[in-house]
N, C-alpha and C. Protein backbone atom coordinates (compact mmCIF):
# COMPACT_ATOMS: atom_id res chain seq x y z
N MET A 1 70.37 15.05 7.36
CA MET A 1 69.80 14.47 6.17
C MET A 1 68.87 13.30 6.52
N LYS A 2 69.27 12.54 7.53
CA LYS A 2 68.47 11.41 7.92
C LYS A 2 67.10 11.85 8.44
N GLU A 3 67.10 12.97 9.17
CA GLU A 3 65.86 13.47 9.72
C GLU A 3 64.92 13.94 8.63
N SER A 4 65.43 14.60 7.62
CA SER A 4 64.59 15.08 6.52
C SER A 4 64.03 13.90 5.73
N ARG A 5 64.86 12.87 5.63
CA ARG A 5 64.42 11.68 4.90
C ARG A 5 63.29 10.99 5.67
N THR A 6 63.42 10.79 6.96
CA THR A 6 62.37 10.15 7.76
C THR A 6 61.15 11.04 7.84
N SER A 7 61.39 12.34 7.87
CA SER A 7 60.27 13.28 7.90
C SER A 7 59.47 13.21 6.61
N SER A 8 60.17 13.13 5.46
CA SER A 8 59.44 13.03 4.18
C SER A 8 58.74 11.68 4.06
N ILE A 9 59.33 10.61 4.60
CA ILE A 9 58.69 9.30 4.57
C ILE A 9 57.44 9.32 5.45
N ASN A 10 57.54 9.95 6.61
CA ASN A 10 56.38 10.06 7.50
C ASN A 10 55.25 10.85 6.84
N ARG A 11 55.63 11.93 6.14
CA ARG A 11 54.61 12.73 5.46
C ARG A 11 53.94 11.93 4.35
N LYS A 12 54.75 11.17 3.61
CA LYS A 12 54.18 10.34 2.55
C LYS A 12 53.25 9.30 3.15
N GLY A 13 53.65 8.69 4.24
CA GLY A 13 52.81 7.70 4.91
C GLY A 13 51.54 8.33 5.45
N GLN A 14 51.70 9.53 5.99
CA GLN A 14 50.53 10.24 6.52
C GLN A 14 49.57 10.60 5.40
N ARG A 15 50.09 11.06 4.29
CA ARG A 15 49.26 11.39 3.13
C ARG A 15 48.54 10.14 2.62
N ARG A 16 49.29 9.04 2.56
CA ARG A 16 48.72 7.78 2.09
C ARG A 16 47.57 7.35 3.02
N ARG A 17 47.77 7.45 4.33
CA ARG A 17 46.71 7.10 5.28
C ARG A 17 45.50 8.03 5.14
N MET A 18 45.76 9.31 4.94
CA MET A 18 44.66 10.27 4.78
C MET A 18 43.87 9.97 3.50
N ARG A 19 44.58 9.65 2.42
CA ARG A 19 43.90 9.31 1.17
C ARG A 19 43.04 8.06 1.35
N LEU A 20 43.60 7.07 2.02
CA LEU A 20 42.86 5.84 2.28
C LEU A 20 41.62 6.13 3.15
N PHE A 21 41.82 6.95 4.18
CA PHE A 21 40.70 7.32 5.04
C PHE A 21 39.60 8.02 4.24
N PHE A 22 39.96 9.00 3.41
CA PHE A 22 38.97 9.71 2.61
C PHE A 22 38.32 8.80 1.56
N PHE A 23 39.08 7.86 1.03
CA PHE A 23 38.53 6.90 0.08
C PHE A 23 37.48 6.02 0.77
N VAL A 24 37.79 5.57 1.98
CA VAL A 24 36.83 4.76 2.73
C VAL A 24 35.58 5.58 3.03
N ILE A 25 35.74 6.83 3.44
CA ILE A 25 34.60 7.71 3.72
C ILE A 25 33.78 7.92 2.44
N LEU A 26 34.45 8.13 1.31
CA LEU A 26 33.75 8.32 0.04
C LEU A 26 32.96 7.06 -0.32
N CYS A 27 33.56 5.89 -0.16
CA CYS A 27 32.85 4.63 -0.44
C CYS A 27 31.63 4.48 0.46
N PHE A 28 31.77 4.86 1.73
CA PHE A 28 30.65 4.79 2.66
C PHE A 28 29.51 5.70 2.20
N PHE A 29 29.81 6.93 1.79
CA PHE A 29 28.78 7.85 1.34
C PHE A 29 28.12 7.38 0.04
N VAL A 30 28.89 6.82 -0.86
CA VAL A 30 28.33 6.29 -2.10
C VAL A 30 27.39 5.13 -1.78
N TRP A 31 27.82 4.21 -0.91
CA TRP A 31 26.98 3.08 -0.52
C TRP A 31 25.70 3.55 0.17
N THR A 32 25.82 4.53 1.06
CA THR A 32 24.67 5.07 1.77
C THR A 32 23.69 5.73 0.79
N SER A 33 24.20 6.49 -0.14
CA SER A 33 23.34 7.16 -1.14
C SER A 33 22.63 6.15 -2.01
N TYR A 34 23.33 5.13 -2.44
CA TYR A 34 22.74 4.09 -3.28
C TYR A 34 21.64 3.35 -2.52
N THR A 35 21.90 3.00 -1.28
CA THR A 35 20.90 2.31 -0.46
C THR A 35 19.69 3.20 -0.24
N LEU A 36 19.90 4.47 0.04
CA LEU A 36 18.80 5.42 0.22
C LEU A 36 17.97 5.54 -1.05
N PHE A 37 18.64 5.58 -2.20
CA PHE A 37 17.93 5.66 -3.48
C PHE A 37 17.05 4.43 -3.69
N LEU A 38 17.59 3.25 -3.44
CA LEU A 38 16.81 2.01 -3.62
C LEU A 38 15.64 1.96 -2.65
N GLN A 39 15.86 2.35 -1.42
CA GLN A 39 14.79 2.29 -0.43
C GLN A 39 13.71 3.33 -0.71
N SER A 40 14.07 4.46 -1.26
CA SER A 40 13.04 5.46 -1.60
C SER A 40 12.15 4.94 -2.72
N GLY A 41 12.72 4.19 -3.66
CA GLY A 41 11.91 3.58 -4.72
C GLY A 41 10.96 2.55 -4.15
N GLU A 42 11.44 1.71 -3.25
CA GLU A 42 10.59 0.70 -2.61
C GLU A 42 9.49 1.38 -1.79
N LEU A 43 9.84 2.44 -1.09
CA LEU A 43 8.87 3.17 -0.28
C LEU A 43 7.78 3.77 -1.16
N SER A 44 8.17 4.28 -2.31
CA SER A 44 7.20 4.84 -3.25
C SER A 44 6.24 3.77 -3.73
N LYS A 45 6.77 2.58 -4.05
CA LYS A 45 5.91 1.47 -4.49
C LYS A 45 4.94 1.07 -3.40
N LYS A 46 5.44 0.98 -2.18
CA LYS A 46 4.61 0.57 -1.05
C LYS A 46 3.52 1.61 -0.77
N GLU A 47 3.82 2.90 -0.92
CA GLU A 47 2.81 3.94 -0.71
C GLU A 47 1.72 3.84 -1.77
N THR A 48 2.10 3.58 -3.00
CA THR A 48 1.11 3.41 -4.07
C THR A 48 0.24 2.20 -3.79
N GLU A 49 0.86 1.09 -3.39
CA GLU A 49 0.12 -0.12 -3.07
C GLU A 49 -0.82 0.11 -1.89
N LEU A 50 -0.37 0.88 -0.90
CA LEU A 50 -1.21 1.19 0.25
C LEU A 50 -2.42 2.00 -0.17
N GLY A 51 -2.25 2.95 -1.07
CA GLY A 51 -3.37 3.74 -1.56
C GLY A 51 -4.41 2.87 -2.26
N VAL A 52 -3.94 1.95 -3.09
CA VAL A 52 -4.86 1.05 -3.80
C VAL A 52 -5.60 0.17 -2.79
N LEU A 53 -4.89 -0.36 -1.81
CA LEU A 53 -5.52 -1.22 -0.81
C LEU A 53 -6.52 -0.45 0.05
N LYS A 54 -6.24 0.82 0.33
CA LYS A 54 -7.20 1.63 1.09
C LYS A 54 -8.47 1.85 0.28
N GLN A 55 -8.32 2.07 -1.03
CA GLN A 55 -9.50 2.23 -1.88
C GLN A 55 -10.32 0.94 -1.90
N GLU A 56 -9.64 -0.19 -2.05
CA GLU A 56 -10.34 -1.48 -2.05
C GLU A 56 -11.03 -1.71 -0.71
N SER A 57 -10.36 -1.33 0.35
CA SER A 57 -10.93 -1.48 1.69
C SER A 57 -12.19 -0.63 1.85
N ALA A 58 -12.17 0.59 1.32
CA ALA A 58 -13.33 1.46 1.41
C ALA A 58 -14.51 0.87 0.63
N VAL A 59 -14.23 0.32 -0.55
CA VAL A 59 -15.29 -0.30 -1.36
C VAL A 59 -15.87 -1.51 -0.62
N LEU A 60 -15.00 -2.34 -0.08
CA LEU A 60 -15.47 -3.52 0.65
C LEU A 60 -16.22 -3.15 1.91
N GLN A 61 -15.79 -2.08 2.58
CA GLN A 61 -16.51 -1.62 3.78
C GLN A 61 -17.91 -1.14 3.41
N GLN A 62 -18.02 -0.43 2.29
CA GLN A 62 -19.34 0.03 1.83
C GLN A 62 -20.23 -1.16 1.49
N LYS A 63 -19.65 -2.16 0.84
CA LYS A 63 -20.40 -3.36 0.49
C LYS A 63 -20.86 -4.08 1.75
N GLN A 64 -19.99 -4.16 2.75
CA GLN A 64 -20.36 -4.80 4.00
C GLN A 64 -21.48 -4.03 4.69
N ASP A 65 -21.41 -2.71 4.68
CA ASP A 65 -22.47 -1.90 5.28
C ASP A 65 -23.80 -2.13 4.58
N ASP A 66 -23.76 -2.20 3.24
CA ASP A 66 -24.98 -2.46 2.48
C ASP A 66 -25.56 -3.83 2.81
N LEU A 67 -24.71 -4.83 2.91
CA LEU A 67 -25.18 -6.18 3.23
C LEU A 67 -25.72 -6.26 4.67
N THR A 68 -25.10 -5.53 5.57
CA THR A 68 -25.59 -5.50 6.95
C THR A 68 -26.97 -4.86 7.00
N TYR A 69 -27.13 -3.78 6.25
CA TYR A 69 -28.43 -3.11 6.19
C TYR A 69 -29.48 -4.06 5.59
N GLU A 70 -29.11 -4.73 4.51
CA GLU A 70 -30.02 -5.68 3.85
C GLU A 70 -30.40 -6.81 4.82
N ALA A 71 -29.43 -7.30 5.57
CA ALA A 71 -29.70 -8.38 6.53
C ALA A 71 -30.64 -7.90 7.64
N SER A 72 -30.46 -6.66 8.07
CA SER A 72 -31.35 -6.13 9.11
C SER A 72 -32.77 -5.95 8.58
N ARG A 73 -32.89 -5.64 7.29
CA ARG A 73 -34.23 -5.49 6.69
C ARG A 73 -34.93 -6.83 6.54
N LEU A 74 -34.18 -7.92 6.47
CA LEU A 74 -34.79 -9.24 6.32
C LEU A 74 -35.56 -9.66 7.57
N ASN A 75 -35.38 -8.95 8.67
CA ASN A 75 -36.15 -9.23 9.88
C ASN A 75 -37.54 -8.59 9.83
N ASP A 76 -37.77 -7.71 8.88
CA ASP A 76 -39.06 -7.01 8.74
C ASP A 76 -39.99 -7.85 7.86
N GLN A 77 -41.14 -8.19 8.38
CA GLN A 77 -42.10 -9.05 7.66
C GLN A 77 -42.63 -8.38 6.39
N GLU A 78 -42.90 -7.10 6.43
CA GLU A 78 -43.41 -6.39 5.25
C GLU A 78 -42.38 -6.40 4.12
N TYR A 79 -41.13 -6.18 4.48
CA TYR A 79 -40.07 -6.19 3.46
C TYR A 79 -39.93 -7.59 2.86
N LEU A 80 -39.99 -8.61 3.71
CA LEU A 80 -39.90 -9.99 3.20
C LEU A 80 -41.04 -10.30 2.23
N ALA A 81 -42.26 -9.86 2.58
CA ALA A 81 -43.39 -10.11 1.70
C ALA A 81 -43.19 -9.41 0.36
N GLU A 82 -42.70 -8.18 0.40
CA GLU A 82 -42.45 -7.44 -0.85
C GLU A 82 -41.36 -8.12 -1.68
N LEU A 83 -40.34 -8.59 -1.01
CA LEU A 83 -39.24 -9.27 -1.69
C LEU A 83 -39.71 -10.56 -2.36
N VAL A 84 -40.51 -11.32 -1.67
CA VAL A 84 -41.02 -12.58 -2.23
C VAL A 84 -41.92 -12.29 -3.41
N ARG A 85 -42.72 -11.27 -3.32
CA ARG A 85 -43.62 -10.93 -4.42
C ARG A 85 -42.83 -10.51 -5.67
N LYS A 86 -41.75 -9.81 -5.46
CA LYS A 86 -40.96 -9.35 -6.61
C LYS A 86 -40.14 -10.48 -7.23
N ARG A 87 -39.48 -11.25 -6.39
CA ARG A 87 -38.53 -12.24 -6.90
C ARG A 87 -39.18 -13.51 -7.44
N ILE A 88 -40.14 -14.03 -6.74
CA ILE A 88 -40.72 -15.30 -7.21
C ILE A 88 -42.17 -15.14 -7.64
N LEU A 89 -42.58 -13.90 -7.82
CA LEU A 89 -43.92 -13.57 -8.32
C LEU A 89 -45.02 -14.22 -7.47
N PHE A 90 -44.83 -14.18 -6.17
CA PHE A 90 -45.81 -14.71 -5.23
C PHE A 90 -46.99 -13.74 -5.16
N THR A 91 -48.18 -14.25 -5.15
CA THR A 91 -49.37 -13.39 -5.10
C THR A 91 -50.21 -13.73 -3.89
N LYS A 92 -50.93 -12.71 -3.46
CA LYS A 92 -51.92 -12.93 -2.40
C LYS A 92 -53.16 -13.52 -3.05
N GLN A 93 -54.01 -14.06 -2.23
CA GLN A 93 -55.23 -14.66 -2.76
C GLN A 93 -56.09 -13.58 -3.41
N GLY A 94 -56.49 -13.86 -4.64
CA GLY A 94 -57.34 -12.92 -5.38
C GLY A 94 -56.56 -11.94 -6.24
N GLU A 95 -55.23 -11.94 -6.20
CA GLU A 95 -54.43 -11.03 -7.02
C GLU A 95 -54.05 -11.70 -8.33
N SER A 96 -53.86 -10.89 -9.35
CA SER A 96 -53.38 -11.37 -10.65
C SER A 96 -52.10 -10.63 -11.00
N ILE A 97 -51.20 -11.33 -11.63
CA ILE A 97 -49.94 -10.71 -12.04
C ILE A 97 -49.96 -10.61 -13.57
N TYR A 98 -49.65 -9.42 -14.04
CA TYR A 98 -49.56 -9.18 -15.49
C TYR A 98 -48.13 -8.85 -15.80
N MET A 99 -47.55 -9.58 -16.72
CA MET A 99 -46.16 -9.33 -17.14
C MET A 99 -46.17 -8.42 -18.36
N ILE A 100 -45.45 -7.34 -18.25
CA ILE A 100 -45.35 -6.37 -19.35
C ILE A 100 -43.95 -6.49 -19.92
N PRO A 101 -43.82 -6.84 -21.20
CA PRO A 101 -42.49 -6.93 -21.81
C PRO A 101 -41.82 -5.56 -21.89
N ASP A 102 -40.53 -5.57 -21.83
CA ASP A 102 -39.78 -4.29 -21.88
C ASP A 102 -39.77 -3.72 -23.26
């Protein structure tokens, strides 16, 4: 009788330990899933932000290319003369400027 009693106590203790072990494993999986869910949301936000920043970068790169081209054209004397004539209405000797209203 004593052996059956200790055997049943051991089984109960073993069952209790197994339940505790599975509970700990379940808690670990729940925590891991929750963390993965939160990180996937953050990753999605960061990917969207990266897309927007890449678009802004492309626009700024195009603007920089245009300004570089404009700066290189400023070394050309003919272009400078044309620019001065347009912007400040500079005329050569003997020329007349007529303003036509829009």
